[in-house]
Each structure stands twice: as C-alpha cells, then as structure tokens.
C-alpha cells in the first residue's frame, strides 16, 4: 500500500506576503522560508514554531538553500545580493553583491564550500563560501537560467533555462556533459534523486520530466498539473521512489517514480505554490505559497 502524506501543521500567516521558496535543513531540523516581504524565517521543523528571522535583504527573496551539514544558509534576492548565513547562530556571515539578475536560484555544492547561481545571461556563477569571491563561470546558450541543482555526489551541476533546455556540466572538468531537451517552456525547478543519476525537472509547460543524466536521456514524462510546475523535489529516501511537486494550479502532488503516476494530490493552498521541500528522512514535507502560508505534511506512520 503506498505511503500517504497527511497535512499536519498549518501556518496561514507565516509571512506578510507571498512565499517564494522553502528549504528543510539536515541535522538542525529547521524549515526555512523566503518571502516577497524581504524576510527569511526559520521554523522548528517538528513543531512549526518560529525560531528566528534573518533580515537584511531589501527586496523579495528568490531562493533559499541549506548546506548539507545544516549549518549554513544561502539566500538570493531581487536586490541582487547573495547572503550566506550561520544557521546555528542566526547571523549573517557574508554578503556578496552580484550584478542585477546575475544571481537567481542558488545552491550549495555537496561539500558546502561553494555556491552556484543561475543568471539572466545564461552563465552559472560559482562563488567561494569562505571568501565570497566568484571563482568561475560556466557558459550556456545565453538564455536565462531559472533553476539550478547539484547531484548529491557532486559530479554533476545542472541548470534549467527559460527556453526549456537543461544544461548538465561535469564538475570535475567543467565541461558540458549533456544538453537535455524535451520541455517546451521555462524550466523552473531541478532536483537530483539521491542516486545522483536521476534528474527531475518542472516546467511552465505543465510537465515533470525524469532524466537519466549518465546517458543524457529522457526516461519519463509526468503530467497532471494544469498550470506551471514551479518546484519539484526528490524524496531523499531513494527506496521510496517518490517526488513532490507544486504548481501555479495551487496543488501539491506526490508521485511514484516507479509507476510513473501520481499517488495523491493536495488542494490546501489558495494561491500558486512556489516551494516544496522534504525533511532529511523523507518522511515529511513542507510547502510555501503566494497565499502567505506554510503547510506541513507527514507520511502516515511517521512521528
């Protein structure tokens, strides 16, 4: 019998404005939300209670990502600043000034030493966490890179573009390994499964694609959302073969990758859902929406 996810915690007024991204930290068990209200909030992952806020950005928060050890947070904003935070102390470590739209979505390398950001001109910029300096740039085809993801083993770095293309780089050589096609519109979100070989993408064409990155091939296409797919997230528990997605259609869906079908659909948001994230164990997830709310889900049988 497939695992079902039950809505557990509801915070309908988590922010003063729409929530544009969420993340869930390892070890520290914090849920991080970034909002159009310029604020980043850190919540107790188990109880849903606000722990602390991170302030400093002067415009809406585009993305939040937590290092694999759970100690660092990177945020990007419409204000063109990349900020790196100490999650244990709730303090700013470093602010990096990027040129306008040079830093869209940002992700940590698996070792936490660098961050990668997509940009408007199609370059992926790599910054040192320790110094804040830009150490390299990887060029694509000059189309806005709206999404970015590292494989858990650090071997691949993928960027999704506004024209539907996905560029996969080999991080050891900085060479383009594959250009993945299939999407007809903007690729809003990318997520690697824990096998580091399976890449999930969500697009404005309403489709979710599953790619075999080793061979550069489209493995399957999942349809069911009736509007833009804004975020996809692979369950960290690879044995479950699950992904979560959220959309402009206001829905959250859980998919079974083995069966290539939707397991369940949750209609508990009243506006488009921009972000979704799993906890480290893959037993819970959280979604954030333009309706200002955060919603927690837990698999039946999990504490």
C-alpha atoms as a PDB file:
ATOM      1  CA  UNK A   1       0.000   0.000   0.000  1.00  0.00           C
ATOM      2  CA  UNK A   2       1.521   3.351  -0.988  1.00  0.00           C
ATOM      3  CA  UNK A   3       2.546   5.810   1.685  1.00  0.00           C
ATOM      4  CA  UNK A   4       0.107   8.671   2.083  1.00  0.00           C
ATOM      5  CA  UNK A   5       1.018  12.134   3.303  1.00  0.00           C
ATOM      6  CA  UNK A   6      -1.286  13.804   5.780  1.00  0.00           C
ATOM      7  CA  UNK A   7      -1.465  17.584   6.325  1.00  0.00           C
ATOM      8  CA  UNK A   8      -0.305  18.180   9.897  1.00  0.00           C
ATOM      9  CA  UNK A   9       0.761  21.766  10.656  1.00  0.00           C
ATOM     10  CA  UNK A  10      -0.800  24.837   9.070  1.00  0.00           C
ATOM     11  CA  UNK A  11       0.553  28.380   9.343  1.00  0.00           C
ATOM     12  CA  UNK A  12      -1.743  30.570   7.275  1.00  0.00           C
ATOM     13  CA  UNK A  13       0.068  33.812   8.124  1.00  0.00           C
ATOM     14  CA  UNK A  14       3.684  32.667   8.014  1.00  0.00           C
ATOM     15  CA  UNK A  15       4.721  35.823   6.129  1.00  0.00           C
ATOM     16  CA  UNK A  16       3.250  39.214   5.325  1.00  0.00           C
ATOM     17  CA  UNK A  17       3.471  38.459   1.610  1.00  0.00           C
ATOM     18  CA  UNK A  18       3.845  35.518  -0.765  1.00  0.00           C
ATOM     19  CA  UNK A  19       6.403  32.786  -0.008  1.00  0.00           C
ATOM     20  CA  UNK A  20       8.728  32.190  -2.950  1.00  0.00           C
ATOM     21  CA  UNK A  21      10.940  29.356  -1.691  1.00  0.00           C
ATOM     22  CA  UNK A  22      11.358  26.860   1.141  1.00  0.00           C
ATOM     23  CA  UNK A  23      14.144  24.567   2.355  1.00  0.00           C
ATOM     24  CA  UNK A  24      14.475  21.958   5.122  1.00  0.00           C
ATOM     25  CA  UNK A  25      17.828  21.599   6.867  1.00  0.00           C
ATOM     26  CA  UNK A  26      19.625  18.404   7.781  1.00  0.00           C
ATOM     27  CA  UNK A  27      20.643  17.867  11.421  1.00  0.00           C
ATOM     28  CA  UNK A  28      19.262  21.184  12.736  1.00  0.00           C
ATOM     29  CA  UNK A  29      15.718  20.317  11.523  1.00  0.00           C
ATOM     30  CA  UNK A  30      14.826  23.863  10.507  1.00  0.00           C
ATOM     31  CA  UNK A  31      12.319  24.810   7.854  1.00  0.00           C
ATOM     32  CA  UNK A  32      13.459  27.955   6.038  1.00  0.00           C
ATOM     33  CA  UNK A  33      11.035  30.193   4.152  1.00  0.00           C
ATOM     34  CA  UNK A  34      11.889  33.134   1.919  1.00  0.00           C
ATOM     35  CA  UNK A  35       9.234  35.665   1.045  1.00  0.00           C
ATOM     36  CA  UNK A  36       8.317  38.607  -1.131  1.00  0.00           C
ATOM     37  CA  UNK A  37       8.183  40.541   2.179  1.00  0.00           C
ATOM     38  CA  UNK A  38      12.057  40.596   2.122  1.00  0.00           C
ATOM     39  CA  UNK A  39      12.290  38.293   5.149  1.00  0.00           C
ATOM     40  CA  UNK A  40      13.721  34.842   5.748  1.00  0.00           C
ATOM     41  CA  UNK A  41      12.112  32.916   8.588  1.00  0.00           C
ATOM     42  CA  UNK A  42      13.453  29.814  10.319  1.00  0.00           C
ATOM     43  CA  UNK A  43      10.904  27.438  11.832  1.00  0.00           C
ATOM     44  CA  UNK A  44      11.113  24.404  14.068  1.00  0.00           C
ATOM     45  CA  UNK A  45      10.694  21.548  11.599  1.00  0.00           C
ATOM     46  CA  UNK A  46       8.892  19.348  14.118  1.00  0.00           C
ATOM     47  CA  UNK A  47       6.569  21.891  15.748  1.00  0.00           C
ATOM     48  CA  UNK A  48       6.204  24.596  13.118  1.00  0.00           C
ATOM     49  CA  UNK A  49       7.089  27.301  15.633  1.00  0.00           C
ATOM     50  CA  UNK A  50       9.114  30.347  14.581  1.00  0.00           C
ATOM     51  CA  UNK A  51      12.690  30.130  15.882  1.00  0.00           C
ATOM     52  CA  UNK A  52      14.206  33.306  14.410  1.00  0.00           C
ATOM     53  CA  UNK A  53      14.175  35.678  11.433  1.00  0.00           C
ATOM     54  CA  UNK A  54      17.018  36.723   9.162  1.00  0.00           C
ATOM     55  CA  UNK A  55      16.759  40.310   7.957  1.00  0.00           C
ATOM     56  CA  UNK A  56      18.929  42.337   5.618  1.00  0.00           C
ATOM     57  CA  UNK A  57      17.619  41.801   2.114  1.00  0.00           C
ATOM     58  CA  UNK A  58      15.849  44.890   0.801  1.00  0.00           C
ATOM     59  CA  UNK A  59      13.662  43.152  -1.777  1.00  0.00           C
ATOM     60  CA  UNK A  60      11.871  39.806  -2.180  1.00  0.00           C
ATOM     61  CA  UNK A  61      13.710  36.543  -1.502  1.00  0.00           C
ATOM     62  CA  UNK A  62      14.100  34.435  -4.658  1.00  0.00           C
ATOM     63  CA  UNK A  63      15.711  31.328  -3.197  1.00  0.00           C
ATOM     64  CA  UNK A  64      16.973  29.686  -0.015  1.00  0.00           C
ATOM     65  CA  UNK A  65      19.246  26.633   0.223  1.00  0.00           C
ATOM     66  CA  UNK A  66      20.889  24.924   3.194  1.00  0.00           C
ATOM     67  CA  UNK A  67      24.325  23.288   3.210  1.00  0.00           C
ATOM     68  CA  UNK A  68      24.308  19.501   3.581  1.00  0.00           C
ATOM     69  CA  UNK A  69      25.572  19.725   7.182  1.00  0.00           C
ATOM     70  CA  UNK A  70      22.695  22.062   8.101  1.00  0.00           C
ATOM     71  CA  UNK A  71      24.905  24.886   9.402  1.00  0.00           C
ATOM     72  CA  UNK A  72      24.810  27.390   6.521  1.00  0.00           C
ATOM     73  CA  UNK A  73      22.084  29.052   4.508  1.00  0.00           C
ATOM     74  CA  UNK A  74      22.432  30.858   1.192  1.00  0.00           C
ATOM     75  CA  UNK A  75      19.745  33.284   0.057  1.00  0.00           C
ATOM     76  CA  UNK A  76      19.272  35.267  -3.132  1.00  0.00           C
ATOM     77  CA  UNK A  77      17.021  38.237  -3.623  1.00  0.00           C
ATOM     78  CA  UNK A  78      15.657  40.627  -6.209  1.00  0.00           C
ATOM     79  CA  UNK A  79      18.057  43.130  -4.543  1.00  0.00           C
ATOM     80  CA  UNK A  80      20.962  41.298  -6.340  1.00  0.00           C
ATOM     81  CA  UNK A  81      22.646  40.339  -3.072  1.00  0.00           C
ATOM     82  CA  UNK A  82      23.698  36.803  -2.212  1.00  0.00           C
ATOM     83  CA  UNK A  83      23.778  36.328   1.538  1.00  0.00           C
ATOM     84  CA  UNK A  84      25.366  33.477   3.467  1.00  0.00           C
ATOM     85  CA  UNK A  85      24.064  32.907   6.982  1.00  0.00           C
ATOM     86  CA  UNK A  86      25.115  30.938  10.053  1.00  0.00           C
ATOM     87  CA  UNK A  87      22.016  28.912  10.928  1.00  0.00           C
ATOM     88  CA  UNK A  88      23.360  27.872  14.328  1.00  0.00           C
ATOM     89  CA  UNK A  89      23.725  31.483  15.479  1.00  0.00           C
ATOM     90  CA  UNK A  90      21.139  33.112  13.245  1.00  0.00           C
ATOM     91  CA  UNK A  91      23.727  35.593  11.979  1.00  0.00           C
ATOM     92  CA  UNK A  92      24.903  36.910   8.627  1.00  0.00           C
ATOM     93  CA  UNK A  93      28.334  35.604   7.641  1.00  0.00           C
ATOM     94  CA  UNK A  94      28.823  37.278   4.286  1.00  0.00           C
ATOM     95  CA  UNK A  95      27.030  39.349   1.691  1.00  0.00           C
ATOM     96  CA  UNK A  96      28.053  39.098  -1.957  1.00  0.00           C
ATOM     97  CA  UNK A  97      26.996  41.830  -4.354  1.00  0.00           C
ATOM     98  CA  UNK A  98      26.037  40.412  -7.733  1.00  0.00           C
ATOM     99  CA  UNK A  99      25.164  42.436 -10.795  1.00  0.00           C
ATOM    100  CA  UNK A 100      21.408  42.737 -11.471  1.00  0.00           C
ATOM    101  CA  UNK A 101      19.859  39.301 -12.208  1.00  0.00           C
ATOM    102  CA  UNK A 102      23.303  37.656 -12.022  1.00  0.00           C
ATOM    103  CA  UNK A 103      22.134  35.576  -9.067  1.00  0.00           C
ATOM    104  CA  UNK A 104      18.775  33.849  -9.403  1.00  0.00           C
ATOM    105  CA  UNK A 105      18.377  30.441  -7.745  1.00  0.00           C
ATOM    106  CA  UNK A 106      21.432  29.426  -5.668  1.00  0.00           C
ATOM    107  CA  UNK A 107      22.597  26.010  -4.453  1.00  0.00           C
ATOM    108  CA  UNK A 108      25.450  24.799  -2.255  1.00  0.00           C
ATOM    109  CA  UNK A 109      27.937  22.254  -3.508  1.00  0.00           C
ATOM    110  CA  UNK A 110      27.518  18.995  -1.534  1.00  0.00           C
ATOM    111  CA  UNK A 111      30.707  19.785   0.419  1.00  0.00           C
ATOM    112  CA  UNK A 112      29.377  23.251   1.310  1.00  0.00           C
ATOM    113  CA  UNK A 113      32.478  25.090   0.075  1.00  0.00           C
ATOM    114  CA  UNK A 114      30.900  26.811  -2.923  1.00  0.00           C
ATOM    115  CA  UNK A 115      27.574  28.058  -4.176  1.00  0.00           C
ATOM    116  CA  UNK A 116      26.318  28.081  -7.746  1.00  0.00           C
ATOM    117  CA  UNK A 117      23.783  30.540  -9.115  1.00  0.00           C
ATOM    118  CA  UNK A 118      21.983  30.790 -12.414  1.00  0.00           C
ATOM    119  CA  UNK A 119      21.878  34.149 -14.156  1.00  0.00           C
ATOM    120  CA  UNK A 120      19.952  36.169 -16.728  1.00  0.00           C
ATOM    121  CA  UNK A 121      22.641  35.838 -19.398  1.00  0.00           C
ATOM    122  CA  UNK A 122      22.793  32.052 -19.100  1.00  0.00           C
ATOM    123  CA  UNK A 123      26.024  31.785 -17.118  1.00  0.00           C
ATOM    124  CA  UNK A 124      26.338  29.662 -13.992  1.00  0.00           C
ATOM    125  CA  UNK A 125      28.437  31.573 -11.482  1.00  0.00           C
ATOM    126  CA  UNK A 126      30.404  29.727  -8.803  1.00  0.00           C
ATOM    127  CA  UNK A 127      31.267  31.607  -5.591  1.00  0.00           C
ATOM    128  CA  UNK A 128      33.533  30.642  -2.702  1.00  0.00           C
ATOM    129  CA  UNK A 129      31.622  30.479   0.590  1.00  0.00           C
ATOM    130  CA  UNK A 130      34.799  31.289   2.538  1.00  0.00           C
ATOM    131  CA  UNK A 131      35.866  34.404   0.607  1.00  0.00           C
ATOM    132  CA  UNK A 132      32.706  35.435  -1.267  1.00  0.00           C
ATOM    133  CA  UNK A 133      34.703  35.707  -4.476  1.00  0.00           C
ATOM    134  CA  UNK A 134      33.457  34.492  -7.836  1.00  0.00           C
ATOM    135  CA  UNK A 135      35.844  31.671  -8.733  1.00  0.00           C
ATOM    136  CA  UNK A 136      34.482  30.713 -12.174  1.00  0.00           C
ATOM    137  CA  UNK A 137      31.607  30.966 -14.601  1.00  0.00           C
ATOM    138  CA  UNK A 138      30.185  28.267 -16.872  1.00  0.00           C
ATOM    139  CA  UNK A 139      28.576  29.496 -20.067  1.00  0.00           C
ATOM    140  CA  UNK A 140      25.434  28.069 -21.672  1.00  0.00           C
ATOM    141  CA  UNK A 141      23.423  29.482 -24.577  1.00  0.00           C
ATOM    142  CA  UNK A 142      22.647  32.966 -23.257  1.00  0.00           C
ATOM    143  CA  UNK A 143      19.157  32.076 -22.043  1.00  0.00           C
ATOM    144  CA  UNK A 144      18.013  32.986 -18.505  1.00  0.00           C
ATOM    145  CA  UNK A 145      18.860  30.104 -16.136  1.00  0.00           C
ATOM    146  CA  UNK A 146      15.869  29.924 -13.789  1.00  0.00           C
ATOM    147  CA  UNK A 147      16.868  26.788 -11.839  1.00  0.00           C
ATOM    148  CA  UNK A 148      19.995  25.012 -10.654  1.00  0.00           C
ATOM    149  CA  UNK A 149      20.904  21.756  -8.903  1.00  0.00           C
ATOM    150  CA  UNK A 150      23.936  19.722  -7.838  1.00  0.00           C
ATOM    151  CA  UNK A 151      23.898  15.938  -7.798  1.00  0.00           C
ATOM    152  CA  UNK A 152      24.415  14.635  -4.230  1.00  0.00           C
ATOM    153  CA  UNK A 153      27.781  13.118  -5.198  1.00  0.00           C
ATOM    154  CA  UNK A 154      28.909  16.483  -6.573  1.00  0.00           C
ATOM    155  CA  UNK A 155      29.681  15.083 -10.022  1.00  0.00           C
ATOM    156  CA  UNK A 156      27.020  16.991 -11.930  1.00  0.00           C
ATOM    157  CA  UNK A 157      25.755  20.578 -11.944  1.00  0.00           C
ATOM    158  CA  UNK A 158      22.549  21.246 -13.878  1.00  0.00           C
ATOM    159  CA  UNK A 159      20.923  24.495 -14.962  1.00  0.00           C
ATOM    160  CA  UNK A 160      17.414  24.900 -16.389  1.00  0.00           C
ATOM    161  CA  UNK A 161      16.762  27.693 -18.884  1.00  0.00           C
ATOM    162  CA  UNK A 162      13.841  29.852 -19.908  1.00  0.00           C
ATOM    163  CA  UNK A 163      13.696  28.192 -23.353  1.00  0.00           C
ATOM    164  CA  UNK A 164      13.199  24.703 -21.849  1.00  0.00           C
ATOM    165  CA  UNK A 165      16.780  23.446 -22.227  1.00  0.00           C
ATOM    166  CA  UNK A 166      18.675  21.843 -19.343  1.00  0.00           C
ATOM    167  CA  UNK A 167      22.480  22.037 -19.295  1.00  0.00           C
ATOM    168  CA  UNK A 168      24.382  19.400 -17.308  1.00  0.00           C
ATOM    169  CA  UNK A 169      28.053  20.042 -16.527  1.00  0.00           C
ATOM    170  CA  UNK A 170      30.686  17.607 -15.302  1.00  0.00           C
ATOM    171  CA  UNK A 171      32.059  19.417 -12.251  1.00  0.00           C
ATOM    172  CA  UNK A 172      35.439  17.672 -12.437  1.00  0.00           C
ATOM    173  CA  UNK A 173      36.173  19.032 -15.909  1.00  0.00           C
ATOM    174  CA  UNK A 174      33.738  21.994 -16.073  1.00  0.00           C
ATOM    175  CA  UNK A 175      32.717  20.620 -19.464  1.00  0.00           C
ATOM    176  CA  UNK A 176      29.143  20.441 -20.713  1.00  0.00           C
ATOM    177  CA  UNK A 177      28.174  16.761 -20.440  1.00  0.00           C
ATOM    178  CA  UNK A 178      24.648  16.959 -21.842  1.00  0.00           C
ATOM    179  CA  UNK A 179      22.072  19.374 -23.141  1.00  0.00           C
ATOM    180  CA  UNK A 180      18.718  17.831 -22.228  1.00  0.00           C
ATOM    181  CA  UNK A 181      15.707  18.723 -24.332  1.00  0.00           C
ATOM    182  CA  UNK A 182      12.027  17.933 -24.063  1.00  0.00           C
ATOM    183  CA  UNK A 183      10.478  20.884 -22.281  1.00  0.00           C
ATOM    184  CA  UNK A 184       8.640  23.429 -24.405  1.00  0.00           C
ATOM    185  CA  UNK A 185       8.818  26.264 -21.869  1.00  0.00           C
ATOM    186  CA  UNK A 186      10.847  27.581 -18.899  1.00  0.00           C
ATOM    187  CA  UNK A 187      12.404  25.022 -16.542  1.00  0.00           C
ATOM    188  CA  UNK A 188      11.525  26.459 -13.117  1.00  0.00           C
ATOM    189  CA  UNK A 189      12.944  23.740 -10.892  1.00  0.00           C
ATOM    190  CA  UNK A 190      15.527  20.944 -10.860  1.00  0.00           C
ATOM    191  CA  UNK A 191      16.132  18.215  -8.282  1.00  0.00           C
ATOM    192  CA  UNK A 192      18.509  15.252  -8.328  1.00  0.00           C
ATOM    193  CA  UNK A 193      17.471  11.981  -6.734  1.00  0.00           C
ATOM    194  CA  UNK A 194      19.888  10.566  -4.164  1.00  0.00           C
ATOM    195  CA  UNK A 195      21.328   8.140  -6.730  1.00  0.00           C
ATOM    196  CA  UNK A 196      22.918  11.226  -8.415  1.00  0.00           C
ATOM    197  CA  UNK A 197      21.891   9.769 -11.785  1.00  0.00           C
ATOM    198  CA  UNK A 198      18.227  10.746 -11.914  1.00  0.00           C
ATOM    199  CA  UNK A 199      17.345  14.389 -12.561  1.00  0.00           C
ATOM    200  CA  UNK A 200      13.800  15.698 -12.089  1.00  0.00           C
ATOM    201  CA  UNK A 201      12.644  18.895 -13.797  1.00  0.00           C
ATOM    202  CA  UNK A 202       9.499  21.016 -13.549  1.00  0.00           C
ATOM    203  CA  UNK A 203       8.441  23.408 -16.276  1.00  0.00           C
ATOM    204  CA  UNK A 204       5.945  26.067 -17.320  1.00  0.00           C
ATOM    205  CA  UNK A 205       4.766  23.523 -19.928  1.00  0.00           C
ATOM    206  CA  UNK A 206       2.958  21.771 -17.004  1.00  0.00           C
ATOM    207  CA  UNK A 207       5.190  18.696 -17.324  1.00  0.00           C
ATOM    208  CA  UNK A 208       7.631  16.995 -14.978  1.00  0.00           C
ATOM    209  CA  UNK A 209      10.474  15.187 -16.712  1.00  0.00           C
ATOM    210  CA  UNK A 210      12.684  12.440 -15.337  1.00  0.00           C
ATOM    211  CA  UNK A 211      16.108  12.236 -16.994  1.00  0.00           C
ATOM    212  CA  UNK A 212      18.875   9.646 -16.921  1.00  0.00           C
ATOM    213  CA  UNK A 213      21.818  12.017 -16.547  1.00  0.00           C
ATOM    214  CA  UNK A 214      24.508   9.402 -17.164  1.00  0.00           C
ATOM    215  CA  UNK A 215      23.186   8.735 -20.646  1.00  0.00           C
ATOM    216  CA  UNK A 216      21.599  12.137 -21.245  1.00  0.00           C
ATOM    217  CA  UNK A 217      18.195  10.646 -21.957  1.00  0.00           C
ATOM    218  CA  UNK A 218      14.587  11.415 -21.048  1.00  0.00           C
ATOM    219  CA  UNK A 219      13.335   8.451 -19.021  1.00  0.00           C
ATOM    220  CA  UNK A 220       9.733   9.527 -18.455  1.00  0.00           C
ATOM    221  CA  UNK A 221       7.333  12.453 -18.527  1.00  0.00           C
ATOM    222  CA  UNK A 222       4.751  13.021 -15.795  1.00  0.00           C
ATOM    223  CA  UNK A 223       1.608  15.027 -16.488  1.00  0.00           C
ATOM    224  CA  UNK A 224      -1.205  16.011 -14.163  1.00  0.00           C
ATOM    225  CA  UNK A 225      -0.704  19.632 -13.176  1.00  0.00           C
ATOM    226  CA  UNK A 226      -2.965  22.059 -15.034  1.00  0.00           C
ATOM    227  CA  UNK A 227      -0.571  25.036 -14.850  1.00  0.00           C
ATOM    228  CA  UNK A 228       3.120  25.881 -14.467  1.00  0.00           C
ATOM    229  CA  UNK A 229       5.135  23.417 -12.366  1.00  0.00           C
ATOM    230  CA  UNK A 230       7.002  25.749 -10.013  1.00  0.00           C
ATOM    231  CA  UNK A 231       9.009  23.316  -7.879  1.00  0.00           C
ATOM    232  CA  UNK A 232       9.977  19.645  -7.821  1.00  0.00           C
ATOM    233  CA  UNK A 233      11.778  17.786  -5.028  1.00  0.00           C
ATOM    234  CA  UNK A 234      13.005  14.196  -4.975  1.00  0.00           C
ATOM    235  CA  UNK A 235      12.389  12.291  -1.743  1.00  0.00           C
ATOM    236  CA  UNK A 236      15.810  11.814  -0.037  1.00  0.00           C
ATOM    237  CA  UNK A 237      14.788   8.243   0.804  1.00  0.00           C
ATOM    238  CA  UNK A 238      15.659   6.687  -2.553  1.00  0.00           C
ATOM    239  CA  UNK A 239      13.890   3.446  -1.638  1.00  0.00           C
ATOM    240  CA  UNK A 240      10.523   5.226  -1.804  1.00  0.00           C
ATOM    241  CA  UNK A 241      10.997   6.319  -5.418  1.00  0.00           C
ATOM    242  CA  UNK A 242       8.930   9.442  -4.821  1.00  0.00           C
ATOM    243  CA  UNK A 243       8.954  13.069  -5.862  1.00  0.00           C
ATOM    244  CA  UNK A 244       6.854  16.008  -4.725  1.00  0.00           C
ATOM    245  CA  UNK A 245       5.736  18.863  -6.954  1.00  0.00           C
ATOM    246  CA  UNK A 246       3.831  22.114  -6.629  1.00  0.00           C
ATOM    247  CA  UNK A 247       2.290  24.386  -9.190  1.00  0.00           C
ATOM    248  CA  UNK A 248       0.509  27.554 -10.191  1.00  0.00           C
ATOM    249  CA  UNK A 249      -2.617  25.379 -10.132  1.00  0.00           C
ATOM    250  CA  UNK A 250      -2.408  25.690  -6.279  1.00  0.00           C
ATOM    251  CA  UNK A 251      -1.851  21.939  -5.883  1.00  0.00           C
ATOM    252  CA  UNK A 252       0.797  19.782  -4.238  1.00  0.00           C
ATOM    253  CA  UNK A 253       1.309  16.339  -5.758  1.00  0.00           C
ATOM    254  CA  UNK A 254       3.236  13.262  -4.668  1.00  0.00           C
ATOM    255  CA  UNK A 255       4.392  10.980  -7.480  1.00  0.00           C
ATOM    256  CA  UNK A 256       5.510   7.360  -7.616  1.00  0.00           C
ATOM    257  CA  UNK A 257       8.532   7.267  -9.936  1.00  0.00           C
ATOM    258  CA  UNK A 258       8.451   3.501 -10.343  1.00  0.00           C
ATOM    259  CA  UNK A 259       4.816   3.548 -11.503  1.00  0.00           C
ATOM    260  CA  UNK A 260       5.239   6.917 -13.255  1.00  0.00           C
ATOM    261  CA  UNK A 261       1.957   8.090 -11.785  1.00  0.00           C
ATOM    262  CA  UNK A 262       0.574  10.500  -9.222  1.00  0.00           C
ATOM    263  CA  UNK A 263      -0.062   8.972  -5.794  1.00  0.00           C
ATOM    264  CA  UNK A 264      -2.014  11.834  -4.283  1.00  0.00           C
ATOM    265  CA  UNK A 265      -2.989  15.453  -4.792  1.00  0.00           C
ATOM    266  CA  UNK A 266      -3.377  18.023  -2.011  1.00  0.00           C
ATOM    267  CA  UNK A 267      -5.522  21.107  -2.580  1.00  0.00           C
ATOM    268  CA  UNK A 268      -4.893  23.056   0.605  1.00  0.00           C
ATOM    269  CA  UNK A 269      -3.412  26.307  -0.749  1.00  0.00           C
ATOM    270  CA  UNK A 270      -5.484  29.175  -2.097  1.00  0.00           C
ATOM    271  CA  UNK A 271      -2.824  30.554  -4.455  1.00  0.00           C
ATOM    272  CA  UNK A 272       0.114  29.272  -6.503  1.00  0.00           C
ATOM    273  CA  UNK A 273       2.605  27.126  -4.608  1.00  0.00           C
ATOM    274  CA  UNK A 274       6.210  28.206  -5.245  1.00  0.00           C
ATOM    275  CA  UNK A 275       8.231  25.947  -2.978  1.00  0.00           C
ATOM    276  CA  UNK A 276       8.295  22.430  -1.587  1.00  0.00           C
ATOM    277  CA  UNK A 277      10.937  20.616   0.480  1.00  0.00           C
ATOM    278  CA  UNK A 278      11.422  17.249   2.204  1.00  0.00           C
ATOM    279  CA  UNK A 279      12.968  16.615   5.584  1.00  0.00           C
ATOM    280  CA  UNK A 280      16.223  14.622   5.645  1.00  0.00           C
ATOM    281  CA  UNK A 281      14.467  11.305   6.276  1.00  0.00           C
ATOM    282  CA  UNK A 282      11.913  11.760   3.504  1.00  0.00           C
ATOM    283  CA  UNK A 283       9.005  11.295   5.911  1.00  0.00           C
ATOM    284  CA  UNK A 284       7.720  14.880   5.947  1.00  0.00           C
ATOM    285  CA  UNK A 285       7.468  17.798   3.565  1.00  0.00           C
ATOM    286  CA  UNK A 286       6.574  21.469   3.672  1.00  0.00           C
ATOM    287  CA  UNK A 287       5.094  23.758   1.023  1.00  0.00           C
ATOM    288  CA  UNK A 288       5.079  27.545   0.723  1.00  0.00           C
ATOM    289  CA  UNK A 289       2.638  29.590  -1.314  1.00  0.00           C
ATOM    290  CA  UNK A 290       1.722  33.023  -2.613  1.00  0.00           C
ATOM    291  CA  UNK A 291      -1.158  32.771  -0.124  1.00  0.00           C
ATOM    292  CA  UNK A 292       1.500  33.553   2.598  1.00  0.00           C
ATOM    293  CA  UNK A 293       1.088  30.132   4.205  1.00  0.00           C
ATOM    294  CA  UNK A 294       3.317  27.209   5.084  1.00  0.00           C
ATOM    295  CA  UNK A 295       1.813  23.713   5.191  1.00  0.00           C
ATOM    296  CA  UNK A 296       3.447  20.644   6.695  1.00  0.00           C
ATOM    297  CA  UNK A 297       2.746  17.057   5.635  1.00  0.00           C
ATOM    298  CA  UNK A 298       3.796  13.813   7.314  1.00  0.00           C
ATOM    299  CA  UNK A 299       3.704  10.270   5.998  1.00  0.00           C
ATOM    300  CA  UNK A 300       1.215   8.076   7.769  1.00  0.00           C
ATOM    301  CA  UNK A 301       3.055   6.194  10.493  1.00  0.00           C
ATOM    302  CA  UNK A 302       5.820   8.788  10.947  1.00  0.00           C
ATOM    303  CA  UNK A 303       6.093  10.547  14.304  1.00  0.00           C
END
